[in-house]
Amino acid sequence: MDTEKLFAARLYAVRCRPYLATALFALHVVESRQVPTMAVDRHWRCYVSPAFVSRTPLEELAGVWVHEVSHLLRDHHGRGDRYAIANELAGPGERLRMNIAADCEINDDVFGDGLECAEGAVQPETLRLSPGELMEDYLRQFRLGRLTNAFAWLDCGSGADGLDRAWDLGPDGAHGLSVQERDAVRFRVAQGINASPGSVPAGWQRWAEEAFHPPQPWRDLLGAAVRSAVSGPGVGEDYTYGRPARRSASVPGVVLPSLRRRPPRVVVIVDTSGSVSDTELGSALLEIAAIVRAVGGRRDLVSVMSCDAAAHITGPLCAAEGIPLIGGGGTDLREGFTRALRTRPDVVVALTDGHTPWPDAKPACRTVVGLFERERRVREYDPDYRPRLPPDWARVVTIG
């Protein structure tokens, strides 16, 4: 194998993508004639075909280096395993689909600025998909068929889809990275990206932010609860005469209105009382970002209000880091609910520690409560005291 050309391509890749240098040099090269081009396993070994190195121009080879290490940095093998379990998927066909979806996620910003696109590389546009989305999003949008037949040969290894190969050296093989070493590499790369975000593509900026604030189980539950609330019957629906109802034909001379679906509006109430710590308020900002993703990224549909014993500022969301969280006194979220409901939202999300009175009546919209975890406390002077739990009409997700 022409190792001089291979390593020269890696140096060229580092020059084009300096923020990936730590990850590129962490890969251990293994010569293999069983892989079609280059592939990685989950232990950060890179399997390389000598014939592929020989016939590929250096600029394209550098792009493949960046492509393969991107699979490992973005944990495509772990995400593929979790997606397969959650959706009860099995078999090489589904793993090939995951490999294609993972390639769509990374290839829209891998090439350019000196890195040439390799022949046969999968692009979202090839499958008639929009660029800039995640592997999981793409998996929901396509199946194997006519558009994917040209990629049946694709094999980026177990590091791309989580399916072990016969040529993998496995966890006991030489030169594999431990779990701690892999995390350290990701952390160093994320640090480099955050140090100069203006020179890094948006996809890598998003990855670096999540590397420091990884998705938590409760965040998935909170997002699912909000998505369920905003997609429920009656949410975001209104009557319009712009398009008469089909039932009008059965009532001659009468024009009946039809239902129109409009984007749902969400109000987030953040508990800023003295019992909520600064760390929890910081977590609340991350939850707000997750809520925005749950409504399709429409920040104009999300308003944020801070509340202790009184409701404070409310308004459309511009950026999570720019939200003024005002408060520090006692807690009475009834004030927050009263003010939030004046804007006639479709969903109200309350982020609180739960030490607050709740509205006596069920609001006219769906309600989701993100509850900061608390240890059970007992009052010495009142042994029968129990903190008030959120009411039954609210969907509750414990945070922490």
Protein backbone atom coordinates (compact mmCIF):
# COMPACT_ATOMS: atom_id res chain seq x y z
CA MET A 1 0.00 0.00 0.00
CA ASP A 2 1.20 3.51 -0.82
CA THR A 3 1.34 4.72 2.79
CA GLU A 4 3.25 7.85 1.81
CA LYS A 5 0.33 9.01 -0.36
CA LEU A 6 -2.21 7.96 2.29
CA PHE A 7 -0.52 9.91 5.09
CA ALA A 8 0.12 12.88 2.81
CA ALA A 9 -3.65 12.96 2.19
CA ARG A 10 -4.23 12.98 5.94
CA LEU A 11 -1.86 15.96 6.33
CA TYR A 12 -3.72 17.72 3.53
CA ALA A 13 -7.03 17.00 5.30
CA VAL A 14 -5.62 18.52 8.51
CA ARG A 15 -4.59 21.64 6.58
CA CYS A 16 -8.12 21.98 5.16
CA ARG A 17 -9.92 21.06 8.41
CA PRO A 18 -7.54 21.95 11.27
CA TYR A 19 -10.24 21.53 13.93
CA LEU A 20 -10.34 17.78 13.10
CA ALA A 21 -6.58 17.23 13.53
CA THR A 22 -6.82 15.43 16.88
CA ALA A 23 -9.38 12.98 15.53
CA LEU A 24 -7.58 12.37 12.22
CA PHE A 25 -4.31 11.50 13.95
CA ALA A 26 -6.14 9.32 16.50
CA LEU A 27 -7.14 6.86 13.75
CA HIS A 28 -4.94 3.78 13.41
CA VAL A 29 -4.56 2.54 9.84
CA VAL A 30 -5.12 -1.15 9.02
CA GLU A 31 -4.47 -2.40 5.47
CA SER A 32 -7.39 -4.50 4.20
CA ARG A 33 -8.33 -5.85 0.79
CA GLN A 34 -11.86 -6.65 2.00
CA VAL A 35 -13.06 -3.08 2.15
CA PRO A 36 -14.16 -1.34 -1.08
CA THR A 37 -12.56 2.02 -0.23
CA MET A 38 -11.93 3.09 3.37
CA ALA A 39 -13.92 2.11 6.46
CA VAL A 40 -13.78 2.57 10.23
CA ASP A 41 -14.79 0.43 13.19
CA ARG A 42 -16.18 1.74 16.45
CA HIS A 43 -12.74 1.39 18.09
CA TRP A 44 -11.20 4.07 15.84
CA ARG A 45 -9.33 1.83 13.44
CA CYS A 46 -9.36 2.85 9.78
CA TYR A 47 -9.34 -0.01 7.24
CA VAL A 48 -7.90 1.00 3.89
CA SER A 49 -7.93 -0.70 0.48
CA PRO A 50 -4.49 -0.44 -1.23
CA ALA A 51 -6.15 -0.38 -4.67
CA PHE A 52 -8.38 2.52 -3.63
CA VAL A 53 -5.38 4.54 -2.40
CA SER A 54 -3.54 3.88 -5.64
CA ARG A 55 -6.32 5.08 -7.97
CA THR A 56 -7.67 8.03 -5.93
CA PRO A 57 -6.29 11.58 -6.30
CA LEU A 58 -4.81 13.03 -3.12
CA GLU A 59 -7.49 15.75 -2.72
CA GLU A 60 -10.27 13.15 -2.93
CA LEU A 61 -8.41 10.85 -0.55
CA ALA A 62 -8.18 13.70 1.96
CA GLY A 63 -11.95 14.15 1.69
CA VAL A 64 -12.46 10.44 2.46
CA TRP A 65 -10.27 10.80 5.57
CA VAL A 66 -12.55 13.59 6.82
CA HIS A 67 -15.64 11.60 5.83
CA GLU A 68 -14.64 8.49 7.79
CA VAL A 69 -13.55 10.29 10.94
CA SER A 70 -16.84 12.23 10.86
CA HIS A 71 -18.74 8.96 11.33
CA LEU A 72 -16.84 8.30 14.56
CA LEU A 73 -17.00 11.83 15.94
CA ARG A 74 -20.77 11.95 15.40
CA ASP A 75 -21.25 8.52 17.00
CA HIS A 76 -23.15 7.13 14.01
CA HIS A 77 -22.61 3.55 15.21
CA GLY A 78 -24.14 4.24 18.63
CA ARG A 79 -26.99 6.27 17.15
CA GLY A 80 -27.60 3.51 14.58
CA ASP A 81 -27.87 0.92 17.34
CA ARG A 82 -30.30 3.07 19.33
CA TYR A 83 -32.43 3.80 16.27
CA ALA A 84 -32.54 0.10 15.35
CA ILE A 85 -33.70 -0.87 18.85
CA ALA A 86 -36.28 1.92 19.08
CA ASN A 87 -37.77 1.09 15.66
CA GLU A 88 -37.28 -2.72 15.79
CA LEU A 89 -35.02 -2.80 12.72
CA ALA A 90 -32.63 -5.62 11.87
CA GLY A 91 -30.63 -6.97 8.97
CA PRO A 92 -27.91 -5.77 6.57
CA GLY A 93 -30.46 -3.89 4.45
CA GLU A 94 -31.46 -1.61 7.32
CA ARG A 95 -27.81 -1.10 8.27
CA LEU A 96 -27.05 -0.10 4.68
CA ARG A 97 -29.88 2.42 4.92
CA MET A 98 -28.31 3.79 8.12
CA ASN A 99 -24.94 4.08 6.37
CA ILE A 100 -26.54 6.03 3.52
CA ALA A 101 -28.41 8.31 5.95
CA ALA A 102 -25.22 8.92 7.95
CA ASP A 103 -23.38 9.83 4.72
CA CYS A 104 -26.14 12.30 3.85
CA GLU A 105 -25.70 13.95 7.26
CA ILE A 106 -21.96 14.55 6.88
CA ASN A 107 -21.38 14.90 3.13
CA ASP A 108 -23.26 18.19 2.78
CA ASP A 109 -20.38 20.02 4.52
CA VAL A 110 -17.38 17.67 4.15
CA PHE A 111 -16.23 18.76 0.71
CA GLY A 112 -15.13 22.10 -0.65
CA ASP A 113 -12.36 24.47 0.47
CA GLY A 114 -9.72 22.17 -1.01
CA LEU A 115 -11.36 18.78 -0.40
CA GLU A 116 -12.65 17.14 -3.58
CA CYS A 117 -15.84 15.09 -3.57
CA ALA A 118 -15.06 11.42 -4.19
CA GLU A 119 -16.78 9.64 -7.04
CA GLY A 120 -20.01 8.00 -5.90
CA ALA A 121 -20.33 9.98 -2.66
CA VAL A 122 -23.88 10.12 -1.33
CA GLN A 123 -25.45 13.58 -1.22
CA PRO A 124 -28.92 14.42 0.17
CA GLU A 125 -29.92 15.87 -3.19
CA THR A 126 -29.21 12.49 -4.82
CA LEU A 127 -32.10 11.03 -2.80
CA ARG A 128 -34.23 14.17 -3.27
CA LEU A 129 -33.73 15.14 0.37
CA SER A 130 -32.96 18.50 1.97
CA PRO A 131 -29.39 19.14 3.19
CA GLY A 132 -28.52 20.01 6.78
CA GLU A 133 -30.56 17.32 8.56
CA LEU A 134 -29.52 14.51 10.90
CA MET A 135 -29.18 10.80 10.19
CA GLU A 136 -32.35 10.03 12.13
CA ASP A 137 -34.30 12.60 10.10
CA TYR A 138 -33.15 11.10 6.81
CA LEU A 139 -34.00 7.57 7.94
CA ARG A 140 -37.64 8.61 8.27
CA GLN A 141 -37.71 10.02 4.74
CA PHE A 142 -36.45 7.26 2.41
CA ARG A 143 -36.37 3.50 1.87
CA LEU A 144 -34.09 1.30 -0.20
CA GLY A 145 -35.19 1.37 -3.82
CA ARG A 146 -34.48 2.86 -7.20
CA LEU A 147 -32.68 5.95 -5.86
CA THR A 148 -30.40 3.92 -3.57
CA ASN A 149 -29.49 1.06 -5.93
CA ALA A 150 -26.31 2.84 -6.96
CA PHE A 151 -25.05 2.72 -3.36
CA ALA A 152 -25.43 -1.01 -2.70
CA TRP A 153 -21.62 -1.28 -2.61
CA LEU A 154 -21.34 1.32 0.18
CA ASP A 155 -19.54 0.09 3.29
CA CYS A 156 -18.06 2.60 5.74
CA GLY A 157 -17.69 -0.09 8.42
CA SER A 158 -19.15 -0.71 11.84
CA GLY A 159 -18.16 2.81 12.86
CA ALA A 160 -20.83 4.11 10.48
CA ASP A 161 -23.80 1.80 11.12
CA GLY A 162 -22.98 -0.32 14.19
CA LEU A 163 -22.96 -3.68 12.36
CA ASP A 164 -19.78 -5.70 13.00
CA ARG A 165 -17.86 -6.88 9.93
CA ALA A 166 -15.84 -10.06 9.41
CA TRP A 167 -12.70 -7.97 8.92
CA ASP A 168 -13.11 -5.97 12.15
CA LEU A 169 -10.36 -6.59 14.68
CA GLY A 170 -12.93 -6.22 17.45
CA PRO A 171 -12.58 -4.87 20.99
CA ASP A 172 -9.59 -7.13 21.76
CA GLY A 173 -7.64 -6.19 18.64
CA ALA A 174 -4.53 -4.03 18.68
CA HIS A 175 -4.51 -0.23 18.59
CA GLY A 176 -8.15 0.32 19.47
CA LEU A 177 -9.16 3.31 21.58
CA SER A 178 -10.89 2.85 24.91
CA VAL A 179 -14.22 4.53 25.64
CA GLN A 180 -12.44 7.18 27.71
CA GLU A 181 -9.93 7.87 24.93
CA ARG A 182 -12.70 8.23 22.34
CA ASP A 183 -14.55 10.71 24.57
CA ALA A 184 -11.32 12.66 25.10
CA VAL A 185 -10.80 12.96 21.34
CA ARG A 186 -14.38 14.21 20.83
CA PHE A 187 -13.95 16.72 23.65
CA ARG A 188 -10.72 18.10 22.18
CA VAL A 189 -12.27 18.47 18.74
CA ALA A 190 -15.35 20.18 20.22
CA GLN A 191 -13.08 22.58 22.12
CA GLY A 192 -11.29 23.50 18.89
CA ILE A 193 -14.58 24.12 17.07
CA ASN A 194 -16.00 26.28 19.86
CA ALA A 195 -12.76 28.30 19.95
CA SER A 196 -13.32 29.54 16.36
CA PRO A 197 -16.97 28.94 15.44
CA GLY A 198 -16.96 31.51 12.63
CA SER A 199 -14.75 29.33 10.43
CA VAL A 200 -16.65 26.05 10.94
CA PRO A 201 -19.73 24.78 9.05
CA ALA A 202 -23.05 24.94 10.88
CA GLY A 203 -23.30 21.15 11.14
CA TRP A 204 -20.04 20.94 13.07
CA GLN A 205 -21.02 23.85 15.29
CA ARG A 206 -24.23 22.03 16.20
CA TRP A 207 -22.26 18.85 16.91
CA ALA A 208 -19.76 20.68 19.13
CA GLU A 209 -22.54 22.27 21.18
CA GLU A 210 -24.17 18.89 21.77
CA ALA A 211 -20.79 17.33 22.62
CA PHE A 212 -20.60 19.68 25.63
CA HIS A 213 -24.32 19.35 26.37
CA PRO A 214 -25.21 15.82 25.22
CA PRO A 215 -28.89 14.90 24.80
CA GLN A 216 -30.32 13.48 28.00
CA PRO A 217 -33.12 10.92 28.35
CA TRP A 218 -35.42 13.51 29.90
CA ARG A 219 -34.75 15.85 26.97
CA ASP A 220 -36.00 13.18 24.58
CA LEU A 221 -39.08 12.69 26.78
CA LEU A 222 -39.70 16.43 27.02
CA GLY A 223 -39.39 16.82 23.25
CA ALA A 224 -41.73 13.87 22.70
CA ALA A 225 -44.24 15.33 25.16
CA VAL A 226 -44.22 18.70 23.40
CA ARG A 227 -44.48 17.11 19.94
CA SER A 228 -47.41 15.02 21.15
CA ALA A 229 -49.07 18.13 22.57
CA VAL A 230 -48.66 20.27 19.46
CA SER A 231 -49.85 17.50 17.12
CA GLY A 232 -52.94 16.53 19.10
CA PRO A 233 -56.48 17.06 17.80
CA GLY A 234 -57.69 20.62 18.09
CA VAL A 235 -54.20 22.09 18.43
CA GLY A 236 -53.44 24.72 15.83
CA GLU A 237 -56.88 24.39 14.23
CA ASP A 238 -59.27 27.20 13.40
CA TYR A 239 -62.30 27.73 11.18
CA THR A 240 -62.04 29.53 7.86
CA TYR A 241 -64.46 30.47 5.10
CA GLY A 242 -61.61 30.77 2.60
CA ARG A 243 -62.24 27.15 1.65
CA PRO A 244 -65.80 25.95 2.38
CA ALA A 245 -66.26 22.60 4.07
CA ARG A 246 -67.14 19.61 1.89
CA ARG A 247 -70.27 19.15 4.00
CA SER A 248 -71.68 22.36 2.45
CA ALA A 249 -72.89 20.29 -0.51
CA SER A 250 -75.34 18.50 1.77
CA VAL A 251 -76.86 21.78 2.98
CA PRO A 252 -77.98 23.77 -0.10
CA GLY A 253 -77.75 27.53 0.31
CA VAL A 254 -75.53 27.33 3.40
CA VAL A 255 -71.75 27.84 3.36
CA LEU A 256 -70.05 25.93 6.16
CA PRO A 257 -66.49 26.82 7.26
CA SER A 258 -63.67 24.30 7.05
CA LEU A 259 -60.94 23.60 9.57
CA ARG A 260 -57.57 25.15 8.81
CA ARG A 261 -54.34 23.91 10.32
CA ARG A 262 -52.10 26.71 11.55
CA PRO A 263 -48.69 26.48 13.25
CA PRO A 264 -49.11 25.79 17.01
CA ARG A 265 -47.98 28.45 19.48
CA VAL A 266 -46.03 27.47 22.61
CA VAL A 267 -45.44 29.50 25.78
CA VAL A 268 -42.65 28.36 28.13
CA ILE A 269 -42.91 29.41 31.78
CA VAL A 270 -39.57 29.21 33.62
CA ASP A 271 -39.66 29.08 37.42
CA THR A 272 -37.10 31.69 38.57
CA SER A 273 -37.85 31.55 42.29
CA GLY A 274 -35.11 31.36 44.90
CA SER A 275 -35.45 27.58 45.19
CA VAL A 276 -34.28 27.06 41.59
CA SER A 277 -30.49 27.04 41.25
CA ASP A 278 -28.42 28.79 38.59
CA THR A 279 -27.48 25.39 37.21
CA GLU A 280 -31.14 24.51 36.77
CA LEU A 281 -31.81 27.85 35.07
CA GLY A 282 -28.96 27.06 32.69
CA SER A 283 -30.54 23.68 32.08
CA ALA A 284 -33.85 25.42 31.40
CA LEU A 285 -32.22 27.30 28.51
CA LEU A 286 -31.12 23.98 27.02
CA GLU A 287 -34.65 22.62 27.43
CA ILE A 288 -36.03 25.66 25.60
CA ALA A 289 -33.71 24.88 22.69
CA ALA A 290 -35.05 21.30 22.71
CA ILE A 291 -38.62 22.64 22.71
CA VAL A 292 -37.84 24.78 19.67
CA ARG A 293 -36.57 21.67 17.87
CA ALA A 294 -39.75 19.84 18.86
CA VAL A 295 -41.85 22.42 16.99
CA GLY A 296 -39.72 22.16 13.87
CA GLY A 297 -37.21 24.91 14.66
CA ARG A 298 -39.81 27.71 14.45
CA ARG A 299 -38.49 30.13 17.08
CA ASP A 300 -41.21 32.63 16.19
CA LEU A 301 -43.80 30.18 17.57
CA VAL A 302 -42.19 29.96 21.03
CA SER A 303 -42.55 32.63 23.73
CA VAL A 304 -40.70 32.54 27.05
CA MET A 305 -41.82 33.96 30.39
CA SER A 306 -40.01 33.98 33.74
CA CYS A 307 -42.07 33.67 36.90
CA ASP A 308 -41.47 33.60 40.65
CA ALA A 309 -44.28 35.10 42.72
CA ALA A 310 -45.23 37.24 39.72
CA ALA A 311 -45.06 36.81 35.96
CA HIS A 312 -42.34 38.76 34.20
CA ILE A 313 -41.23 39.33 30.62
CA THR A 314 -42.85 37.39 27.83
CA GLY A 315 -42.12 37.58 24.12
CA PRO A 316 -41.11 35.64 21.01
CA LEU A 317 -37.89 33.68 21.23
CA CYS A 318 -34.87 35.02 19.32
CA ALA A 319 -32.04 33.00 20.84
CA ALA A 320 -31.94 30.86 24.00
CA GLU A 321 -28.80 32.57 25.32
CA GLY A 322 -30.50 35.98 25.07
CA ILE A 323 -33.47 35.19 27.33
CA PRO A 324 -33.59 37.41 30.45
CA LEU A 325 -34.63 35.19 33.39
CA ILE A 326 -35.87 37.58 36.08
CA GLY A 327 -36.90 36.61 39.58
CA GLY A 328 -35.55 35.17 42.80
CA GLY A 329 -38.48 35.54 45.19
CA GLY A 330 -41.24 33.12 46.16
CA THR A 331 -43.07 30.80 43.79
CA ASP A 332 -46.58 31.09 42.38
CA LEU A 333 -46.89 29.72 38.87
CA ARG A 334 -50.59 30.56 38.87
CA GLU A 335 -49.51 34.09 37.92
CA GLY A 336 -47.48 32.71 35.05
CA PHE A 337 -50.32 30.55 33.78
CA THR A 338 -52.76 33.47 33.98
CA ARG A 339 -50.54 35.71 31.92
CA ALA A 340 -49.56 32.96 29.47
CA LEU A 341 -53.17 32.02 28.75
CA ARG A 342 -53.98 35.62 27.77
CA THR A 343 -51.95 35.02 24.58
CA ARG A 344 -54.16 32.00 23.72
CA PRO A 345 -51.33 29.48 23.19
CA ASP A 346 -51.84 25.93 21.98
CA VAL A 347 -49.37 24.48 24.48
CA VAL A 348 -47.94 25.74 27.79
CA VAL A 349 -44.66 24.24 29.04
CA ALA A 350 -43.73 24.93 32.69
CA LEU A 351 -40.13 24.30 33.84
CA THR A 352 -40.20 24.27 37.65
CA ASP A 353 -39.09 22.50 40.82
CA GLY A 354 -42.75 21.91 41.67
CA HIS A 355 -42.82 23.91 44.93
CA THR A 356 -45.66 26.13 43.79
CA PRO A 357 -49.44 26.41 43.87
CA TRP A 358 -51.06 25.19 40.65
CA PRO A 359 -54.13 26.56 38.87
CA ASP A 360 -57.37 25.14 40.26
CA ALA A 361 -58.90 24.67 36.81
CA LYS A 362 -57.48 22.90 33.80
CA PRO A 363 -56.21 25.42 31.21
CA ALA A 364 -57.91 25.59 27.85
CA CYS A 365 -54.73 24.29 26.17
CA ARG A 366 -52.44 21.33 26.59
CA THR A 367 -49.86 21.55 29.40
CA VAL A 368 -46.44 19.93 29.79
CA VAL A 369 -44.48 20.24 33.06
CA GLY A 370 -40.70 19.78 33.14
CA LEU A 371 -40.04 19.02 36.80
CA PHE A 372 -36.55 19.64 38.22
CA GLU A 373 -35.65 16.65 40.35
CA ARG A 374 -35.75 17.19 44.11
CA GLU A 375 -35.02 15.02 47.11
CA ARG A 376 -38.04 14.41 49.29
CA ARG A 377 -38.00 16.81 52.21
CA VAL A 378 -39.75 16.46 55.56
CA ARG A 379 -40.63 19.39 57.80
CA GLU A 380 -39.74 18.63 61.41
CA TYR A 381 -42.58 20.83 62.68
CA ASP A 382 -45.06 19.33 60.21
CA PRO A 383 -44.35 15.59 59.66
CA ASP A 384 -47.50 15.25 57.52
CA TYR A 385 -46.33 17.88 55.01
CA ARG A 386 -46.14 16.74 51.39
CA PRO A 387 -45.19 19.05 48.48
CA ARG A 388 -47.98 19.62 45.98
CA LEU A 389 -47.60 17.47 42.90
CA PRO A 390 -48.44 18.78 39.44
CA PRO A 391 -52.13 18.27 38.64
CA ASP A 392 -53.36 15.26 36.70
CA TRP A 393 -54.21 17.35 33.62
CA ALA A 394 -50.50 18.09 33.00
CA ARG A 395 -48.04 15.78 31.22
CA VAL A 396 -45.07 15.58 33.63
CA VAL A 397 -41.45 14.87 32.66
CA THR A 398 -38.79 14.73 35.39
CA ILE A 399 -35.63 16.69 34.53
CA GLY A 400 -32.33 15.64 36.13
